[in-house]
């Protein structure tokens, strides 16, 4: 089963009990489909780049939750009941890819990830060109 992240953006005034009820409902749905909820993060209240218009007003901030889960590939089509949820501003399900980021990439033994120091610099510190510039000015003044 592939690994997915479900990001939930809730309205800012939603109580913690209501938020946990929604998360537990999604978690139970994952469990019924023989999936596993591997991680749950609350990213707190976030400022939005633009207002999200809903029937009860426009929202410029929201509570962001991240649920990481292992589910069958057709699970995305079963989450559409979240569209009718009035506590949510937005939701998205993102599939994890097999990519290597950061230190994992550089620790490979195949040699592709070697960090090589670039010996050249933009400013050559050993150059005497600055000294020659002063001499050129003096010669022009004479």
N, C-alpha and C. Protein backbone atom coordinates (compact mmCIF):
# COMPACT_ATOMS: atom_id res chain seq x y z
N UNK A 1 0.84 -1.19 0.00
CA UNK A 1 0.00 0.00 0.00
C UNK A 1 0.88 1.24 0.00
N UNK A 2 0.53 2.22 -0.82
CA UNK A 2 1.33 3.45 -0.86
C UNK A 2 1.06 4.35 0.35
N UNK A 3 1.99 5.25 0.57
CA UNK A 3 1.92 6.19 1.68
C UNK A 3 1.33 7.51 1.17
N UNK A 4 0.37 8.06 1.89
CA UNK A 4 -0.31 9.30 1.51
C UNK A 4 -0.26 10.29 2.66
N UNK A 5 -0.29 11.58 2.30
CA UNK A 5 -0.51 12.66 3.26
C UNK A 5 -1.86 13.28 2.97
N UNK A 6 -2.70 13.37 3.98
CA UNK A 6 -3.97 14.06 3.86
C UNK A 6 -3.86 15.36 4.64
N UNK A 7 -3.92 16.48 3.92
CA UNK A 7 -3.83 17.80 4.56
C UNK A 7 -5.25 18.34 4.71
N UNK A 8 -5.59 18.73 5.92
CA UNK A 8 -6.91 19.26 6.22
C UNK A 8 -6.76 20.70 6.70
N UNK A 9 -7.42 21.63 6.05
CA UNK A 9 -7.44 23.03 6.47
C UNK A 9 -8.83 23.31 7.02
N UNK A 10 -8.90 23.52 8.33
CA UNK A 10 -10.18 23.72 8.99
C UNK A 10 -10.40 25.20 9.29
N UNK A 11 -11.65 25.55 9.53
CA UNK A 11 -11.98 26.91 9.90
C UNK A 11 -11.32 27.24 11.24
N UNK A 12 -10.94 28.49 11.46
CA UNK A 12 -10.17 28.83 12.67
C UNK A 12 -10.96 28.72 13.98
N UNK A 13 -12.28 28.81 13.93
CA UNK A 13 -13.07 28.77 15.16
C UNK A 13 -13.52 27.36 15.55
N UNK A 14 -13.08 26.33 14.83
CA UNK A 14 -13.49 24.96 15.13
C UNK A 14 -12.86 24.52 16.45
N UNK A 15 -13.69 23.96 17.32
CA UNK A 15 -13.20 23.50 18.64
C UNK A 15 -12.37 22.24 18.47
N UNK A 16 -11.53 22.00 19.48
CA UNK A 16 -10.63 20.84 19.45
C UNK A 16 -11.41 19.52 19.42
N UNK A 17 -12.51 19.44 20.15
CA UNK A 17 -13.31 18.22 20.18
C UNK A 17 -13.89 17.93 18.80
N UNK A 18 -14.36 18.97 18.13
CA UNK A 18 -14.92 18.80 16.79
C UNK A 18 -13.84 18.41 15.79
N UNK A 19 -12.67 18.99 15.94
CA UNK A 19 -11.54 18.66 15.08
C UNK A 19 -11.14 17.20 15.26
N UNK A 20 -11.06 16.74 16.50
CA UNK A 20 -10.67 15.36 16.77
C UNK A 20 -11.75 14.38 16.29
N UNK A 21 -13.00 14.79 16.32
CA UNK A 21 -14.07 13.93 15.81
C UNK A 21 -13.93 13.74 14.30
N UNK A 22 -13.58 14.80 13.59
CA UNK A 22 -13.38 14.71 12.15
C UNK A 22 -12.17 13.84 11.82
N UNK A 23 -11.07 14.02 12.55
CA UNK A 23 -9.85 13.24 12.32
C UNK A 23 -10.11 11.76 12.64
N UNK A 24 -10.85 11.49 13.71
CA UNK A 24 -11.13 10.10 14.05
C UNK A 24 -12.05 9.45 13.02
N UNK A 25 -12.96 10.23 12.44
CA UNK A 25 -13.83 9.69 11.39
C UNK A 25 -13.03 9.29 10.16
N UNK A 26 -12.06 10.15 9.76
CA UNK A 26 -11.19 9.80 8.64
C UNK A 26 -10.32 8.60 9.01
N UNK A 27 -9.81 8.56 10.23
CA UNK A 27 -8.99 7.44 10.69
C UNK A 27 -9.75 6.12 10.69
N UNK A 28 -11.01 6.15 11.10
CA UNK A 28 -11.83 4.94 11.07
C UNK A 28 -12.08 4.48 9.64
N UNK A 29 -12.25 5.44 8.74
CA UNK A 29 -12.44 5.11 7.33
C UNK A 29 -11.18 4.43 6.79
N UNK A 30 -10.00 4.94 7.16
CA UNK A 30 -8.73 4.33 6.75
C UNK A 30 -8.65 2.90 7.29
N UNK A 31 -9.00 2.71 8.55
CA UNK A 31 -8.93 1.40 9.19
C UNK A 31 -9.88 0.40 8.52
N UNK A 32 -11.10 0.84 8.16
CA UNK A 32 -12.06 -0.03 7.50
C UNK A 32 -11.56 -0.51 6.13
N UNK A 33 -10.70 0.27 5.49
CA UNK A 33 -10.14 -0.11 4.19
C UNK A 33 -8.81 -0.84 4.36
N UNK A 34 -8.55 -1.38 5.53
CA UNK A 34 -7.31 -2.11 5.87
C UNK A 34 -6.08 -1.23 5.75
N UNK A 35 -6.23 0.05 6.03
CA UNK A 35 -5.12 0.99 6.01
C UNK A 35 -4.59 1.23 7.41
N UNK A 36 -3.51 2.00 7.48
CA UNK A 36 -2.87 2.32 8.76
C UNK A 36 -2.61 3.82 8.81
N UNK A 37 -3.01 4.45 9.89
CA UNK A 37 -2.69 5.85 10.13
C UNK A 37 -1.33 5.90 10.82
N UNK A 38 -0.30 6.40 10.11
CA UNK A 38 1.06 6.33 10.65
C UNK A 38 1.48 7.57 11.42
N UNK A 39 0.92 8.73 11.09
CA UNK A 39 1.35 9.96 11.76
C UNK A 39 0.22 10.97 11.72
N UNK A 40 0.14 11.79 12.75
CA UNK A 40 -0.86 12.84 12.83
C UNK A 40 -0.18 14.07 13.39
N UNK A 41 -0.22 15.18 12.64
CA UNK A 41 0.42 16.42 13.08
C UNK A 41 -0.58 17.56 13.01
N UNK A 42 -0.53 18.39 14.02
CA UNK A 42 -1.27 19.64 14.00
C UNK A 42 -0.27 20.76 13.78
N UNK A 43 -0.43 21.49 12.70
CA UNK A 43 0.49 22.57 12.37
C UNK A 43 -0.01 23.91 12.90
N UNK A 44 -1.08 23.89 13.66
CA UNK A 44 -1.59 25.10 14.30
C UNK A 44 -2.35 26.00 13.35
N UNK A 45 -2.53 27.23 13.78
CA UNK A 45 -3.25 28.22 12.98
C UNK A 45 -2.28 28.86 12.00
N UNK A 46 -2.67 28.91 10.74
CA UNK A 46 -1.82 29.47 9.69
C UNK A 46 -2.57 30.63 9.01
N UNK A 47 -1.78 31.62 8.58
CA UNK A 47 -2.33 32.73 7.81
C UNK A 47 -2.41 32.30 6.35
N UNK A 48 -3.50 32.58 5.70
CA UNK A 48 -3.69 32.18 4.30
C UNK A 48 -3.25 33.31 3.38
N UNK A 49 -2.79 32.95 2.21
CA UNK A 49 -2.34 33.94 1.24
C UNK A 49 -3.50 34.71 0.62
N UNK A 50 -4.67 34.15 0.67
CA UNK A 50 -5.87 34.80 0.14
C UNK A 50 -7.07 34.29 0.93
N UNK A 51 -8.15 35.02 0.87
CA UNK A 51 -9.35 34.62 1.60
C UNK A 51 -10.07 33.48 0.90
N UNK A 52 -10.56 32.54 1.67
CA UNK A 52 -11.36 31.43 1.15
C UNK A 52 -12.81 31.71 1.48
N UNK A 53 -13.62 31.85 0.45
CA UNK A 53 -15.02 32.22 0.64
C UNK A 53 -15.86 30.96 0.86
N UNK A 54 -16.61 30.99 1.93
CA UNK A 54 -17.58 29.94 2.25
C UNK A 54 -18.94 30.60 2.47
N UNK A 55 -19.97 29.79 2.70
CA UNK A 55 -21.31 30.33 2.87
C UNK A 55 -21.43 31.25 4.08
N UNK A 56 -20.63 31.00 5.12
CA UNK A 56 -20.71 31.80 6.34
C UNK A 56 -19.65 32.89 6.43
N UNK A 57 -18.98 33.21 5.31
CA UNK A 57 -18.02 34.31 5.32
C UNK A 57 -16.73 33.97 4.59
N UNK A 58 -15.79 34.89 4.68
CA UNK A 58 -14.48 34.72 4.06
C UNK A 58 -13.44 34.51 5.16
N UNK A 59 -12.55 33.53 4.96
CA UNK A 59 -11.58 33.16 5.98
C UNK A 59 -10.16 33.48 5.50
N UNK A 60 -9.40 34.13 6.37
CA UNK A 60 -8.01 34.50 6.06
C UNK A 60 -7.01 33.71 6.91
N UNK A 61 -7.50 32.85 7.77
CA UNK A 61 -6.64 31.94 8.53
C UNK A 61 -7.40 30.65 8.77
N UNK A 62 -6.64 29.60 9.10
CA UNK A 62 -7.25 28.30 9.34
C UNK A 62 -6.34 27.41 10.15
N UNK A 63 -6.88 26.32 10.65
CA UNK A 63 -6.10 25.32 11.39
C UNK A 63 -5.69 24.23 10.42
N UNK A 64 -4.40 23.92 10.39
CA UNK A 64 -3.86 22.96 9.44
C UNK A 64 -3.50 21.66 10.14
N UNK A 65 -3.97 20.54 9.60
CA UNK A 65 -3.68 19.20 10.13
C UNK A 65 -3.08 18.37 9.01
N UNK A 66 -2.13 17.50 9.36
CA UNK A 66 -1.54 16.57 8.41
C UNK A 66 -1.69 15.16 8.95
N UNK A 67 -2.31 14.30 8.13
CA UNK A 67 -2.47 12.90 8.48
C UNK A 67 -1.68 12.07 7.48
N UNK A 68 -0.72 11.28 7.95
CA UNK A 68 0.05 10.40 7.08
C UNK A 68 -0.51 9.00 7.25
N UNK A 69 -0.81 8.33 6.12
CA UNK A 69 -1.48 7.03 6.18
C UNK A 69 -1.04 6.13 5.04
N UNK A 70 -1.16 4.83 5.26
CA UNK A 70 -0.96 3.84 4.22
C UNK A 70 -2.33 3.28 3.88
N UNK A 71 -2.75 3.50 2.64
CA UNK A 71 -4.08 3.07 2.21
C UNK A 71 -4.03 2.49 0.81
N UNK A 72 -5.09 1.80 0.39
CA UNK A 72 -5.15 1.33 -0.99
C UNK A 72 -5.21 2.51 -1.97
N UNK A 73 -4.76 2.32 -3.21
CA UNK A 73 -4.72 3.42 -4.18
C UNK A 73 -6.07 4.05 -4.50
N UNK A 74 -7.16 3.32 -4.38
CA UNK A 74 -8.48 3.88 -4.72
C UNK A 74 -9.10 4.64 -3.54
N UNK A 75 -8.36 4.87 -2.49
CA UNK A 75 -8.88 5.55 -1.30
C UNK A 75 -9.25 7.00 -1.59
N UNK A 76 -8.58 7.63 -2.55
CA UNK A 76 -8.85 9.04 -2.88
C UNK A 76 -10.30 9.25 -3.27
N UNK A 77 -10.86 8.34 -4.03
CA UNK A 77 -12.24 8.50 -4.47
C UNK A 77 -13.24 8.34 -3.32
N UNK A 78 -12.81 7.73 -2.23
CA UNK A 78 -13.70 7.52 -1.10
C UNK A 78 -13.71 8.68 -0.11
N UNK A 79 -12.81 9.64 -0.29
CA UNK A 79 -12.75 10.77 0.64
C UNK A 79 -13.62 11.95 0.21
N UNK A 80 -14.38 11.79 -0.84
CA UNK A 80 -15.14 12.93 -1.34
C UNK A 80 -16.28 13.35 -0.41
N UNK A 81 -16.57 12.57 0.62
CA UNK A 81 -17.54 13.02 1.61
C UNK A 81 -17.02 14.24 2.38
N UNK A 82 -15.70 14.47 2.33
CA UNK A 82 -15.13 15.65 3.01
C UNK A 82 -15.54 16.94 2.32
N UNK A 83 -15.94 16.88 1.05
CA UNK A 83 -16.37 18.08 0.34
C UNK A 83 -17.61 18.70 0.98
N UNK A 84 -18.44 17.89 1.61
CA UNK A 84 -19.67 18.38 2.22
C UNK A 84 -19.49 18.76 3.69
N UNK A 85 -18.29 18.60 4.19
CA UNK A 85 -18.00 18.90 5.59
C UNK A 85 -17.92 20.41 5.77
N UNK A 86 -18.77 20.98 6.64
CA UNK A 86 -18.82 22.44 6.80
C UNK A 86 -17.68 22.98 7.68
N UNK A 87 -16.98 22.12 8.42
CA UNK A 87 -15.86 22.58 9.24
C UNK A 87 -14.58 22.78 8.44
N UNK A 88 -14.52 22.19 7.24
CA UNK A 88 -13.31 22.24 6.41
C UNK A 88 -13.35 23.40 5.43
N UNK A 89 -12.19 24.05 5.26
CA UNK A 89 -12.03 25.03 4.19
C UNK A 89 -11.52 24.34 2.93
N UNK A 90 -10.49 23.50 3.08
CA UNK A 90 -9.90 22.76 1.97
C UNK A 90 -9.33 21.44 2.48
N UNK A 91 -9.17 20.47 1.59
CA UNK A 91 -8.47 19.23 1.89
C UNK A 91 -7.80 18.74 0.62
N UNK A 92 -6.69 18.00 0.81
CA UNK A 92 -5.98 17.43 -0.32
C UNK A 92 -5.30 16.15 0.13
N UNK A 93 -5.23 15.18 -0.79
CA UNK A 93 -4.55 13.92 -0.54
C UNK A 93 -3.37 13.84 -1.49
N UNK A 94 -2.15 13.71 -0.95
CA UNK A 94 -0.92 13.72 -1.74
C UNK A 94 -0.20 12.39 -1.53
N UNK A 95 0.20 11.78 -2.64
CA UNK A 95 0.92 10.50 -2.57
C UNK A 95 2.41 10.74 -2.40
N UNK A 96 3.03 9.98 -1.48
CA UNK A 96 4.48 10.06 -1.29
C UNK A 96 5.17 9.39 -2.47
N UNK A 97 6.25 9.99 -2.92
CA UNK A 97 7.06 9.41 -4.00
C UNK A 97 8.34 8.85 -3.41
N UNK A 98 9.00 7.96 -4.15
CA UNK A 98 10.28 7.40 -3.70
C UNK A 98 11.39 8.35 -4.13
N UNK A 99 11.55 9.43 -3.39
CA UNK A 99 12.60 10.39 -3.68
C UNK A 99 13.51 10.49 -2.48
N UNK A 100 14.73 10.89 -2.74
CA UNK A 100 15.71 11.06 -1.67
C UNK A 100 16.03 12.54 -1.56
N UNK A 101 15.94 13.05 -0.36
CA UNK A 101 16.19 14.46 -0.13
C UNK A 101 17.31 14.64 0.87
N UNK A 102 18.02 15.72 0.74
CA UNK A 102 19.00 16.13 1.75
C UNK A 102 20.12 15.15 1.96
N UNK A 103 20.42 14.84 3.21
CA UNK A 103 21.55 14.01 3.58
C UNK A 103 21.46 12.59 3.05
N UNK A 104 20.25 12.07 2.85
CA UNK A 104 20.12 10.71 2.32
C UNK A 104 20.74 10.60 0.93
N UNK A 105 20.59 11.64 0.13
CA UNK A 105 21.12 11.62 -1.22
C UNK A 105 22.64 11.67 -1.21
N UNK A 106 23.22 12.42 -0.32
CA UNK A 106 24.66 12.59 -0.30
C UNK A 106 25.40 11.44 0.34
N UNK A 107 24.71 10.55 1.00
CA UNK A 107 25.36 9.41 1.64
C UNK A 107 25.38 8.17 0.75
N UNK A 108 24.97 8.29 -0.49
CA UNK A 108 24.96 7.16 -1.41
C UNK A 108 26.39 6.74 -1.73
N UNK A 109 26.59 5.44 -1.99
CA UNK A 109 27.91 4.90 -2.29
C UNK A 109 28.22 4.90 -3.78
N UNK A 110 27.28 5.27 -4.64
CA UNK A 110 27.53 5.19 -6.07
C UNK A 110 28.34 6.37 -6.60
N UNK A 111 28.64 7.34 -5.78
CA UNK A 111 29.50 8.44 -6.18
C UNK A 111 28.78 9.59 -6.83
N UNK A 112 27.49 9.45 -7.10
CA UNK A 112 26.77 10.55 -7.72
C UNK A 112 26.58 11.72 -6.77
N UNK A 113 26.52 11.45 -5.50
CA UNK A 113 26.22 12.49 -4.54
C UNK A 113 27.43 13.13 -3.91
N UNK A 114 28.61 12.94 -4.49
CA UNK A 114 29.80 13.53 -3.89
C UNK A 114 29.74 15.04 -3.94
N UNK A 115 30.10 15.65 -2.86
CA UNK A 115 30.21 17.10 -2.83
C UNK A 115 31.64 17.47 -3.15
N UNK A 116 31.82 18.18 -4.20
CA UNK A 116 33.17 18.59 -4.58
C UNK A 116 33.28 20.09 -4.36
N UNK A 117 34.38 20.48 -3.78
CA UNK A 117 34.61 21.90 -3.53
C UNK A 117 35.04 22.57 -4.82
N UNK A 118 34.44 23.69 -5.10
CA UNK A 118 34.83 24.47 -6.26
C UNK A 118 36.03 25.32 -5.84
N UNK A 119 37.15 25.10 -6.49
CA UNK A 119 38.39 25.79 -6.10
C UNK A 119 38.40 27.25 -6.52
N UNK A 120 37.69 27.59 -7.56
CA UNK A 120 37.67 28.97 -8.01
C UNK A 120 36.68 29.79 -7.22
N UNK A 121 36.96 31.07 -7.09
CA UNK A 121 36.03 31.96 -6.41
C UNK A 121 35.72 33.12 -7.33
N UNK A 122 34.72 33.83 -7.00
CA UNK A 122 34.35 34.98 -7.81
C UNK A 122 35.42 36.06 -7.71
N UNK A 123 35.98 36.21 -6.55
CA UNK A 123 37.04 37.20 -6.34
C UNK A 123 38.32 36.45 -6.02
N UNK A 124 39.31 36.59 -6.85
CA UNK A 124 40.58 35.91 -6.64
C UNK A 124 41.37 36.68 -5.59
N UNK A 125 41.53 36.07 -4.43
CA UNK A 125 42.16 36.76 -3.31
C UNK A 125 43.67 36.90 -3.47
N UNK A 126 44.30 36.05 -4.28
CA UNK A 126 45.75 36.09 -4.45
C UNK A 126 46.18 37.03 -5.58
N UNK A 127 45.25 37.69 -6.19
CA UNK A 127 45.56 38.53 -7.35
C UNK A 127 46.13 39.88 -6.90
N UNK A 128 47.08 40.38 -7.68
CA UNK A 128 47.69 41.69 -7.41
C UNK A 128 47.11 42.76 -8.33
N UNK A 129 45.93 42.50 -8.91
CA UNK A 129 45.34 43.46 -9.84
C UNK A 129 44.98 44.75 -9.13
N UNK A 130 44.59 44.68 -7.86
CA UNK A 130 44.21 45.89 -7.14
C UNK A 130 45.42 46.82 -6.99
N UNK A 131 46.59 46.24 -6.77
CA UNK A 131 47.80 47.04 -6.64
C UNK A 131 48.14 47.70 -7.97
N UNK A 132 47.91 47.00 -9.06
CA UNK A 132 48.22 47.54 -10.38
C UNK A 132 47.27 48.66 -10.76
N UNK A 133 46.05 48.63 -10.26
CA UNK A 133 45.09 49.68 -10.57
C UNK A 133 45.56 51.02 -10.02
N UNK A 134 46.12 51.00 -8.83
CA UNK A 134 46.60 52.25 -8.24
C UNK A 134 47.77 52.82 -9.05
N UNK A 135 48.62 51.93 -9.55
CA UNK A 135 49.76 52.38 -10.35
C UNK A 135 49.29 53.00 -11.67
N UNK A 136 48.23 52.42 -12.25
CA UNK A 136 47.72 52.95 -13.51
C UNK A 136 47.18 54.37 -13.33
N UNK A 137 46.54 54.61 -12.23
CA UNK A 137 45.97 55.94 -11.97
C UNK A 137 47.10 56.95 -11.80
N UNK A 138 48.15 56.56 -11.10
CA UNK A 138 49.28 57.46 -10.89
C UNK A 138 49.96 57.81 -12.20
N UNK A 139 50.10 56.83 -13.10
CA UNK A 139 50.76 57.08 -14.38
C UNK A 139 49.93 58.01 -15.24
N UNK A 140 48.57 57.88 -15.17
CA UNK A 140 47.71 58.73 -15.98
C UNK A 140 47.75 60.17 -15.50
N UNK A 141 47.91 60.37 -14.19
CA UNK A 141 47.93 61.73 -13.64
C UNK A 141 49.20 62.47 -14.06
N UNK A 142 50.31 61.78 -14.35
CA UNK A 142 51.58 62.43 -14.70
C UNK A 142 51.56 62.96 -16.04
